[in-house]
PDB file of N, CA and C in Angstrom:
ATOM      1  N   MET A   1      11.395  30.956 -14.829  1.00  0.00           N
ATOM      2  CA  MET A   1      10.572  29.770 -14.685  1.00  0.00           C
ATOM      3  C   MET A   1       9.472  30.038 -13.664  1.00  0.00           C
ATOM      4  N   ASN A   2       8.371  29.414 -13.821  1.00  0.00           N
ATOM      5  CA  ASN A   2       7.222  29.541 -12.952  1.00  0.00           C
ATOM      6  C   ASN A   2       7.522  28.960 -11.568  1.00  0.00           C
ATOM      7  N   THR A   3       7.024  29.600 -10.514  1.00  0.00           N
ATOM      8  CA  THR A   3       7.254  29.141  -9.144  1.00  0.00           C
ATOM      9  C   THR A   3       6.709  27.731  -8.919  1.00  0.00           C
ATOM     10  N   VAL A   4       5.511  27.477  -9.437  1.00  0.00           N
ATOM     11  CA  VAL A   4       4.898  26.155  -9.283  1.00  0.00           C
ATOM     12  C   VAL A   4       5.758  25.096  -9.957  1.00  0.00           C
ATOM     13  N   LEU A   5       6.210  25.382 -11.158  1.00  0.00           N
ATOM     14  CA  LEU A   5       7.057  24.439 -11.890  1.00  0.00           C
ATOM     15  C   LEU A   5       8.347  24.176 -11.127  1.00  0.00           C
ATOM     16  N   THR A   6       8.948  25.221 -10.603  1.00  0.00           N
ATOM     17  CA  THR A   6      10.196  25.067  -9.851  1.00  0.00           C
ATOM     18  C   THR A   6       9.997  24.176  -8.631  1.00  0.00           C
ATOM     19  N   GLN A   7       8.913  24.408  -7.897  1.00  0.00           N
ATOM     20  CA  GLN A   7       8.633  23.595  -6.708  1.00  0.00           C
ATOM     21  C   GLN A   7       8.392  22.135  -7.079  1.00  0.00           C
ATOM     22  N   GLU A   8       7.637  21.918  -8.148  1.00  0.00           N
ATOM     23  CA  GLU A   8       7.365  20.547  -8.587  1.00  0.00           C
ATOM     24  C   GLU A   8       8.642  19.850  -9.042  1.00  0.00           C
ATOM     25  N   LEU A   9       9.495  20.561  -9.761  1.00  0.00           N
ATOM     26  CA  LEU A   9      10.741  19.960 -10.231  1.00  0.00           C
ATOM     27  C   LEU A   9      11.648  19.594  -9.063  1.00  0.00           C
ATOM     28  N   ILE A  10      11.676  20.411  -8.026  1.00  0.00           N
ATOM     29  CA  ILE A  10      12.472  20.088  -6.840  1.00  0.00           C
ATOM     30  C   ILE A  10      11.956  18.804  -6.203  1.00  0.00           C
ATOM     31  N   ARG A  11      10.623  18.683  -6.075  1.00  0.00           N
ATOM     32  CA  ARG A  11      10.038  17.467  -5.496  1.00  0.00           C
ATOM     33  C   ARG A  11      10.315  16.239  -6.359  1.00  0.00           C
ATOM     34  N   PHE A  12      10.143  16.380  -7.657  1.00  0.00           N
ATOM     35  CA  PHE A  12      10.346  15.237  -8.545  1.00  0.00           C
ATOM     36  C   PHE A  12      11.823  14.853  -8.639  1.00  0.00           C
ATOM     37  N   ASN A  13      12.719  15.818  -8.578  1.00  0.00           N
ATOM     38  CA  ASN A  13      14.146  15.488  -8.555  1.00  0.00           C
ATOM     39  C   ASN A  13      14.491  14.688  -7.310  1.00  0.00           C
ATOM     40  N   GLY A  14      13.897  15.048  -6.169  1.00  0.00           N
ATOM     41  CA  GLY A  14      14.108  14.272  -4.940  1.00  0.00           C
ATOM     42  C   GLY A  14      13.589  12.857  -5.084  1.00  0.00           C
ATOM     43  N   LEU A  15      12.412  12.711  -5.699  1.00  0.00           N
ATOM     44  CA  LEU A  15      11.834  11.378  -5.928  1.00  0.00           C
ATOM     45  C   LEU A  15      12.719  10.559  -6.857  1.00  0.00           C
ATOM     46  N   ILE A  16      13.158  11.147  -7.953  1.00  0.00           N
ATOM     47  CA  ILE A  16      13.999  10.424  -8.903  1.00  0.00           C
ATOM     48  C   ILE A  16      15.318  10.013  -8.262  1.00  0.00           C
ATOM     49  N   ASN A  17      15.908  10.888  -7.465  1.00  0.00           N
ATOM     50  CA  ASN A  17      17.148  10.541  -6.765  1.00  0.00           C
ATOM     51  C   ASN A  17      16.927   9.382  -5.796  1.00  0.00           C
ATOM     52  N   THR A  18      15.799   9.391  -5.097  1.00  0.00           N
ATOM     53  CA  THR A  18      15.480   8.303  -4.171  1.00  0.00           C
ATOM     54  C   THR A  18      15.324   6.985  -4.926  1.00  0.00           C
ATOM     55  N   ILE A  19      14.601   7.014  -6.041  1.00  0.00           N
ATOM     56  CA  ILE A  19      14.407   5.804  -6.848  1.00  0.00           C
ATOM     57  C   ILE A  19      15.746   5.305  -7.378  1.00  0.00           C
ATOM     58  N   ARG A  20      16.524   6.210  -7.955  1.00  0.00           N
ATOM     59  CA  ARG A  20      17.819   5.835  -8.539  1.00  0.00           C
ATOM     60  C   ARG A  20      18.746   5.233  -7.477  1.00  0.00           C
ATOM     61  N   ASN A  21      18.863   5.909  -6.343  1.00  0.00           N
ATOM     62  CA  ASN A  21      19.778   5.439  -5.300  1.00  0.00           C
ATOM     63  C   ASN A  21      19.329   4.108  -4.710  1.00  0.00           C
ATOM     64  N   SER A  22      18.023   3.944  -4.500  1.00  0.00           N
ATOM     65  CA  SER A  22      17.552   2.678  -3.937  1.00  0.00           C
ATOM     66  C   SER A  22      17.777   1.528  -4.913  1.00  0.00           C
ATOM     67  N   LEU A  23      17.573   1.767  -6.210  1.00  0.00           N
ATOM     68  CA  LEU A  23      17.798   0.703  -7.191  1.00  0.00           C
ATOM     69  C   LEU A  23      19.281   0.358  -7.314  1.00  0.00           C
ATOM     70  N   LYS A  24      20.141   1.381  -7.245  1.00  0.00           N
ATOM     71  CA  LYS A  24      21.588   1.114  -7.264  1.00  0.00           C
ATOM     72  C   LYS A  24      21.997   0.300  -6.042  1.00  0.00           C
ATOM     73  N   ASP A  25      21.476   0.686  -4.872  1.00  0.00           N
ATOM     74  CA  ASP A  25      21.806  -0.038  -3.642  1.00  0.00           C
ATOM     75  C   ASP A  25      21.273  -1.464  -3.671  1.00  0.00           C
ATOM     76  N   LEU A  26      20.073  -1.653  -4.229  1.00  0.00           N
ATOM     77  CA  LEU A  26      19.523  -3.003  -4.354  1.00  0.00           C
ATOM     78  C   LEU A  26      20.382  -3.863  -5.271  1.00  0.00           C
ATOM     79  N   LYS A  27      20.844  -3.275  -6.358  1.00  0.00           N
ATOM     80  CA  LYS A  27      21.709  -4.008  -7.285  1.00  0.00           C
ATOM     81  C   LYS A  27      22.995  -4.449  -6.580  1.00  0.00           C
ATOM     82  N   LYS A  28      23.579  -3.539  -5.801  1.00  0.00           N
ATOM     83  CA  LYS A  28      24.798  -3.876  -5.052  1.00  0.00           C
ATOM     84  C   LYS A  28      24.515  -4.949  -4.002  1.00  0.00           C
ATOM     85  N   ALA A  29      23.362  -4.843  -3.335  1.00  0.00           N
ATOM     86  CA  ALA A  29      23.018  -5.822  -2.296  1.00  0.00           C
ATOM     87  C   ALA A  29      22.794  -7.202  -2.908  1.00  0.00           C
ATOM     88  N   ILE A  30      22.167  -7.258  -4.063  1.00  0.00           N
ATOM     89  CA  ILE A  30      21.944  -8.539  -4.726  1.00  0.00           C
ATOM     90  C   ILE A  30      23.269  -9.167  -5.143  1.00  0.00           C
ATOM     91  N   LYS A  31      24.227  -8.330  -5.556  1.00  0.00           N
ATOM     92  CA  LYS A  31      25.555  -8.828  -5.922  1.00  0.00           C
ATOM     93  C   LYS A  31      26.371  -9.205  -4.703  1.00  0.00           C
ATOM     94  N   GLY A  32      25.933  -8.774  -3.522  1.00  0.00           N
ATOM     95  CA  GLY A  32      26.658  -9.072  -2.301  1.00  0.00           C
ATOM     96  C   GLY A  32      27.728  -8.055  -1.962  1.00  0.00           C
ATOM     97  N   GLU A  33      27.673  -6.896  -2.606  1.00  0.00           N
ATOM     98  CA  GLU A  33      28.680  -5.866  -2.374  1.00  0.00           C
ATOM     99  C   GLU A  33      28.377  -5.025  -1.130  1.00  0.00           C
ATOM    100  N   VAL A  34      27.105  -4.937  -0.756  1.00  0.00           N
ATOM    101  CA  VAL A  34      26.702  -4.221   0.461  1.00  0.00           C
ATOM    102  C   VAL A  34      25.669  -5.061   1.192  1.00  0.00           C
ATOM    103  N   LEU A  35      25.458  -4.736   2.462  1.00  0.00           N
ATOM    104  CA  LEU A  35      24.451  -5.452   3.242  1.00  0.00           C
ATOM    105  C   LEU A  35      23.053  -5.002   2.847  1.00  0.00           C
ATOM    106  N   LEU A  36      22.121  -5.917   2.893  1.00  0.00           N
ATOM    107  CA  LEU A  36      20.732  -5.623   2.577  1.00  0.00           C
ATOM    108  C   LEU A  36      20.058  -5.117   3.844  1.00  0.00           C
ATOM    109  N   SER A  37      19.848  -3.819   3.927  1.00  0.00           N
ATOM    110  CA  SER A  37      19.215  -3.226   5.105  1.00  0.00           C
ATOM    111  C   SER A  37      17.735  -3.595   5.123  1.00  0.00           C
ATOM    112  N   ALA A  38      17.097  -3.370   6.255  1.00  0.00           N
ATOM    113  CA  ALA A  38      15.669  -3.667   6.373  1.00  0.00           C
ATOM    114  C   ALA A  38      14.865  -2.831   5.388  1.00  0.00           C
ATOM    115  N   GLN A  39      15.265  -1.582   5.212  1.00  0.00           N
ATOM    116  CA  GLN A  39      14.576  -0.693   4.285  1.00  0.00           C
ATOM    117  C   GLN A  39      14.711  -1.192   2.842  1.00  0.00           C
ATOM    118  N   LEU A  40      15.905  -1.623   2.477  1.00  0.00           N
ATOM    119  CA  LEU A  40      16.111  -2.155   1.129  1.00  0.00           C
ATOM    120  C   LEU A  40      15.390  -3.488   0.943  1.00  0.00           C
ATOM    121  N   GLU A  41      15.352  -4.292   1.986  1.00  0.00           N
ATOM    122  CA  GLU A  41      14.647  -5.566   1.897  1.00  0.00           C
ATOM    123  C   GLU A  41      13.156  -5.342   1.675  1.00  0.00           C
ATOM    124  N   ASP A  42      12.586  -4.365   2.395  1.00  0.00           N
ATOM    125  CA  ASP A  42      11.169  -4.020   2.184  1.00  0.00           C
ATOM    126  C   ASP A  42      10.933  -3.531   0.759  1.00  0.00           C
ATOM    127  N   ALA A  43      11.864  -2.716   0.245  1.00  0.00           N
ATOM    128  CA  ALA A  43      11.741  -2.209  -1.126  1.00  0.00           C
ATOM    129  C   ALA A  43      11.798  -3.366  -2.124  1.00  0.00           C
ATOM    130  N   LEU A  44      12.707  -4.302  -1.894  1.00  0.00           N
ATOM    131  CA  LEU A  44      12.836  -5.453  -2.788  1.00  0.00           C
ATOM    132  C   LEU A  44      11.561  -6.289  -2.783  1.00  0.00           C
ATOM    133  N   LYS A  45      11.010  -6.538  -1.610  1.00  0.00           N
ATOM    134  CA  LYS A  45       9.764  -7.311  -1.512  1.00  0.00           C
ATOM    135  C   LYS A  45       8.629  -6.603  -2.254  1.00  0.00           C
ATOM    136  N   SER A  46       8.544  -5.295  -2.091  1.00  0.00           N
ATOM    137  CA  SER A  46       7.494  -4.533  -2.774  1.00  0.00           C
ATOM    138  C   SER A  46       7.663  -4.621  -4.285  1.00  0.00           C
ATOM    139  N   LEU A  47       8.891  -4.465  -4.754  1.00  0.00           N
ATOM    140  CA  LEU A  47       9.146  -4.536  -6.196  1.00  0.00           C
ATOM    141  C   LEU A  47       8.796  -5.914  -6.751  1.00  0.00           C
ATOM    142  N   LEU A  48       9.135  -6.956  -6.007  1.00  0.00           N
ATOM    143  CA  LEU A  48       8.827  -8.320  -6.459  1.00  0.00           C
ATOM    144  C   LEU A  48       7.327  -8.574  -6.478  1.00  0.00           C
ATOM    145  N   ASP A  49       6.582  -7.884  -5.585  1.00  0.00           N
ATOM    146  CA  ASP A  49       5.123  -8.019  -5.536  1.00  0.00           C
ATOM    147  C   ASP A  49       4.413  -7.074  -6.499  1.00  0.00           C
ATOM    148  N   GLY A  50       5.184  -6.243  -7.216  1.00  0.00           N
ATOM    149  CA  GLY A  50       4.576  -5.312  -8.155  1.00  0.00           C
ATOM    150  C   GLY A  50       3.967  -4.099  -7.477  1.00  0.00           C
ATOM    151  N   LYS A  51       4.481  -3.744  -6.302  1.00  0.00           N
ATOM    152  CA  LYS A  51       3.979  -2.599  -5.554  1.00  0.00           C
ATOM    153  C   LYS A  51       5.042  -1.512  -5.485  1.00  0.00           C
ATOM    154  N   VAL A  52       4.604  -0.291  -5.267  1.00  0.00           N
ATOM    155  CA  VAL A  52       5.529   0.827  -5.108  1.00  0.00           C
ATOM    156  C   VAL A  52       6.123   0.748  -3.698  1.00  0.00           C
ATOM    157  N   PRO A  53       7.455   0.717  -3.570  1.00  0.00           N
ATOM    158  CA  PRO A  53       8.075   0.628  -2.247  1.00  0.00           C
ATOM    159  C   PRO A  53       7.735   1.834  -1.361  1.00  0.00           C
ATOM    160  N   ALA A  54       7.596   1.582  -0.071  1.00  0.00           N
ATOM    161  CA  ALA A  54       7.304   2.652   0.885  1.00  0.00           C
ATOM    162  C   ALA A  54       8.398   3.716   0.852  1.00  0.00           C
ATOM    163  N   LEU A  55       9.623   3.304   0.578  1.00  0.00           N
ATOM    164  CA  LEU A  55      10.744   4.227   0.468  1.00  0.00           C
ATOM    165  C   LEU A  55      10.468   5.284  -0.598  1.00  0.00           C
ATOM    166  N   TRP A  56       9.872   4.880  -1.701  1.00  0.00           N
ATOM    167  CA  TRP A  56       9.537   5.811  -2.779  1.00  0.00           C
ATOM    168  C   TRP A  56       8.313   6.632  -2.436  1.00  0.00           C
ATOM    169  N   LYS A  57       7.328   5.998  -1.794  1.00  0.00           N
ATOM    170  CA  LYS A  57       6.078   6.688  -1.453  1.00  0.00           C
ATOM    171  C   LYS A  57       6.327   7.876  -0.537  1.00  0.00           C
ATOM    172  N   GLY A  58       7.358   7.793   0.294  1.00  0.00           N
ATOM    173  CA  GLY A  58       7.675   8.884   1.200  1.00  0.00           C
ATOM    174  C   GLY A  58       8.053  10.164   0.469  1.00  0.00           C
ATOM    175  N   LYS A  59       8.581  10.038  -0.737  1.00  0.00           N
ATOM    176  CA  LYS A  59       9.003  11.198  -1.534  1.00  0.00           C
ATOM    177  C   LYS A  59       8.058  11.462  -2.713  1.00  0.00           C
ATOM    178  N   SER A  60       7.036  10.633  -2.854  1.00  0.00           N
ATOM    179  CA  SER A  60       6.218  10.641  -4.061  1.00  0.00           C
ATOM    180  C   SER A  60       4.923  11.430  -3.893  1.00  0.00           C
ATOM    181  N   TYR A  61       4.271  11.634  -5.019  1.00  0.00           N
ATOM    182  CA  TYR A  61       2.921  12.181  -5.059  1.00  0.00           C
ATOM    183  C   TYR A  61       1.955  11.055  -4.690  1.00  0.00           C
ATOM    184  N   PRO A  62       0.756  11.377  -4.216  1.00  0.00           N
ATOM    185  CA  PRO A  62      -0.204  10.325  -3.858  1.00  0.00           C
ATOM    186  C   PRO A  62      -0.595   9.490  -5.079  1.00  0.00           C
ATOM    187  N   SER A  63      -0.552   8.187  -4.927  1.00  0.00           N
ATOM    188  CA  SER A  63      -0.931   7.287  -6.011  1.00  0.00           C
ATOM    189  C   SER A  63      -1.321   5.928  -5.437  1.00  0.00           C
ATOM    190  N   LEU A  64      -2.386   5.372  -5.948  1.00  0.00           N
ATOM    191  CA  LEU A  64      -2.830   4.036  -5.541  1.00  0.00           C
ATOM    192  C   LEU A  64      -2.517   2.988  -6.611  1.00  0.00           C
ATOM    193  N   LYS A  65      -1.796   3.402  -7.634  1.00  0.00           N
ATOM    194  CA  LYS A  65      -1.494   2.505  -8.748  1.00  0.00           C
ATOM    195  C   LYS A  65      -0.459   1.460  -8.349  1.00  0.00           C
ATOM    196  N   PRO A  66      -0.522   0.281  -8.984  1.00  0.00           N
ATOM    197  CA  PRO A  66       0.545  -0.709  -8.790  1.00  0.00           C
ATOM    198  C   PRO A  66       1.822  -0.212  -9.477  1.00  0.00           C
ATOM    199  N   LEU A  67       2.902  -0.923  -9.285  1.00  0.00           N
ATOM    200  CA  LEU A  67       4.211  -0.481  -9.750  1.00  0.00           C
ATOM    201  C   LEU A  67       4.240  -0.126 -11.235  1.00  0.00           C
ATOM    202  N   GLY A  68       3.701  -0.981 -12.087  1.00  0.00           N
ATOM    203  CA  GLY A  68       3.730  -0.726 -13.527  1.00  0.00           C
ATOM    204  C   GLY A  68       3.012   0.558 -13.904  1.00  0.00           C
ATOM    205  N   GLY A  69       1.823   0.739 -13.383  1.00  0.00           N
ATOM    206  CA  GLY A  69       1.058   1.943 -13.654  1.00  0.00           C
ATOM    207  C   GLY A  69       1.714   3.178 -13.071  1.00  0.00           C
ATOM    208  N   TYR A  70       2.333   3.013 -11.923  1.00  0.00           N
ATOM    209  CA  TYR A  70       3.026   4.121 -11.272  1.00  0.00           C
ATOM    210  C   TYR A  70       4.194   4.601 -12.132  1.00  0.00           C
ATOM    211  N   VAL A  71       4.967   3.672 -12.661  1.00  0.00           N
ATOM    212  CA  VAL A  71       6.125   4.026 -13.485  1.00  0.00           C
ATOM    213  C   VAL A  71       5.672   4.723 -14.762  1.00  0.00           C
ATOM    214  N   VAL A  72       4.615   4.222 -15.399  1.00  0.00           N
ATOM    215  CA  VAL A  72       4.087   4.851 -16.614  1.00  0.00           C
ATOM    216  C   VAL A  72       3.610   6.263 -16.283  1.00  0.00           C
ATOM    217  N   ASP A  73       2.885   6.420 -15.182  1.00  0.00           N
ATOM    218  CA  ASP A  73       2.389   7.730 -14.768  1.00  0.00           C
ATOM    219  C   ASP A  73       3.537   8.686 -14.457  1.00  0.00           C
ATOM    220  N   LEU A  74       4.551   8.203 -13.772  1.00  0.00           N
ATOM    221  CA  LEU A  74       5.717   9.028 -13.450  1.00  0.00           C
ATOM    222  C   LEU A  74       6.394   9.511 -14.730  1.00  0.00           C
ATOM    223  N   LYS A  75       6.548   8.620 -15.678  1.00  0.00           N
ATOM    224  CA  LYS A  75       7.169   8.991 -16.955  1.00  0.00           C
ATOM    225  C   LYS A  75       6.348  10.055 -17.668  1.00  0.00           C
ATOM    226  N   GLN A  76       5.032   9.917 -17.673  1.00  0.00           N
ATOM    227  CA  GLN A  76       4.169  10.901 -18.318  1.00  0.00           C
ATOM    228  C   GLN A  76       4.255  12.257 -17.615  1.00  0.00           C
ATOM    229  N   ARG A  77       4.326  12.251 -16.303  1.00  0.00           N
ATOM    230  CA  ARG A  77       4.456  13.504 -15.559  1.00  0.00           C
ATOM    231  C   ARG A  77       5.778  14.193 -15.886  1.00  0.00           C
ATOM    232  N   LEU A  78       6.841  13.417 -15.962  1.00  0.00           N
ATOM    233  CA  LEU A  78       8.145  13.994 -16.285  1.00  0.00           C
ATOM    234  C   LEU A  78       8.158  14.560 -17.705  1.00  0.00           C
ATOM    235  N   GLU A  79       7.510  13.881 -18.637  1.00  0.00           N
ATOM    236  CA  GLU A  79       7.404  14.387 -20.006  1.00  0.00           C
ATOM    237  C   GLU A  79       6.601  15.683 -20.037  1.00  0.00           C
ATOM    238  N   PHE A  80       5.546  15.756 -19.221  1.00  0.00           N
ATOM    239  CA  PHE A  80       4.745  16.979 -19.138  1.00  0.00           C
ATOM    240  C   PHE A  80       5.600  18.139 -18.638  1.00  0.00           C
ATOM    241  N   PHE A  81       6.389  17.896 -17.596  1.00  0.00           N
ATOM    242  CA  PHE A  81       7.262  18.951 -17.071  1.00  0.00           C
ATOM    243  C   PHE A  81       8.294  19.383 -18.107  1.00  0.00           C
ATOM    244  N   GLN A  82       8.833  18.438 -18.852  1.00  0.00           N
ATOM    245  CA  GLN A  82       9.813  18.776 -19.884  1.00  0.00           C
ATOM    246  C   GLN A  82       9.175  19.644 -20.969  1.00  0.00           C
ATOM    247  N   THR A  83       7.950  19.323 -21.347  1.00  0.00           N
ATOM    248  CA  THR A  83       7.234  20.126 -22.329  1.00  0.00           C
ATOM    249  C   THR A  83       6.988  21.530 -21.785  1.00  0.00           C
ATOM    250  N   TRP A  84       6.640  21.610 -20.507  1.00  0.00           N
ATOM    251  CA  TRP A  84       6.403  22.891 -19.849  1.00  0.00           C
ATOM    252  C   TRP A  84       7.681  23.744 -19.881  1.00  0.00           C
ATOM    253  N   ILE A  85       8.815  23.106 -19.625  1.00  0.00           N
ATOM    254  CA  ILE A  85      10.095  23.813 -19.643  1.00  0.00           C
ATOM    255  C   ILE A  85      10.433  24.271 -21.060  1.00  0.00           C
ATOM    256  N   ASP A  86      10.253  23.383 -22.032  1.00  0.00           N
ATOM    257  CA  ASP A  86      10.644  23.679 -23.414  1.00  0.00           C
ATOM    258  C   ASP A  86       9.720  24.680 -24.111  1.00  0.00           C
ATOM    259  N   LYS A  87       8.412  24.556 -23.863  1.00  0.00           N
ATOM    260  CA  LYS A  87       7.450  25.340 -24.642  1.00  0.00           C
ATOM    261  C   LYS A  87       6.686  26.388 -23.844  1.00  0.00           C
ATOM    262  N   GLY A  88       6.915  26.459 -22.550  1.00  0.00           N
ATOM    263  CA  GLY A  88       6.199  27.438 -21.737  1.00  0.00           C
ATOM    264  C   GLY A  88       4.955  26.837 -21.099  1.00  0.00           C
ATOM    265  N   LEU A  89       4.163  27.711 -20.498  1.00  0.00           N
ATOM    266  CA  LEU A  89       2.958  27.277 -19.782  1.00  0.00           C
ATOM    267  C   LEU A  89       2.045  26.450 -20.659  1.00  0.00           C
ATOM    268  N   PRO A  90       1.463  25.388 -20.096  1.00  0.00           N
ATOM    269  CA  PRO A  90       0.538  24.557 -20.870  1.00  0.00           C
ATOM    270  C   PRO A  90      -0.781  25.294 -21.107  1.00  0.00           C
TER     271      PRO A  90
END
């Protein structure tokens, strides 16, 4: 695998893990199973406002898009990486 691709996949895996874990924790906090930390509360407020949470931005690529556009862009980037893995260099 290409060095650049490997580095990007490591970064994106960290971002996806951060997104997944924060959403799982938010779900538990909303159910009352865990306490809502200040960091999770900020993430919840950002999500409700349609913004990318600062928690995600810390692990993310630079983007000024609102939440909806950010998610679409993230999905397209992940599809690009999958194509790169499956079919070789673009």
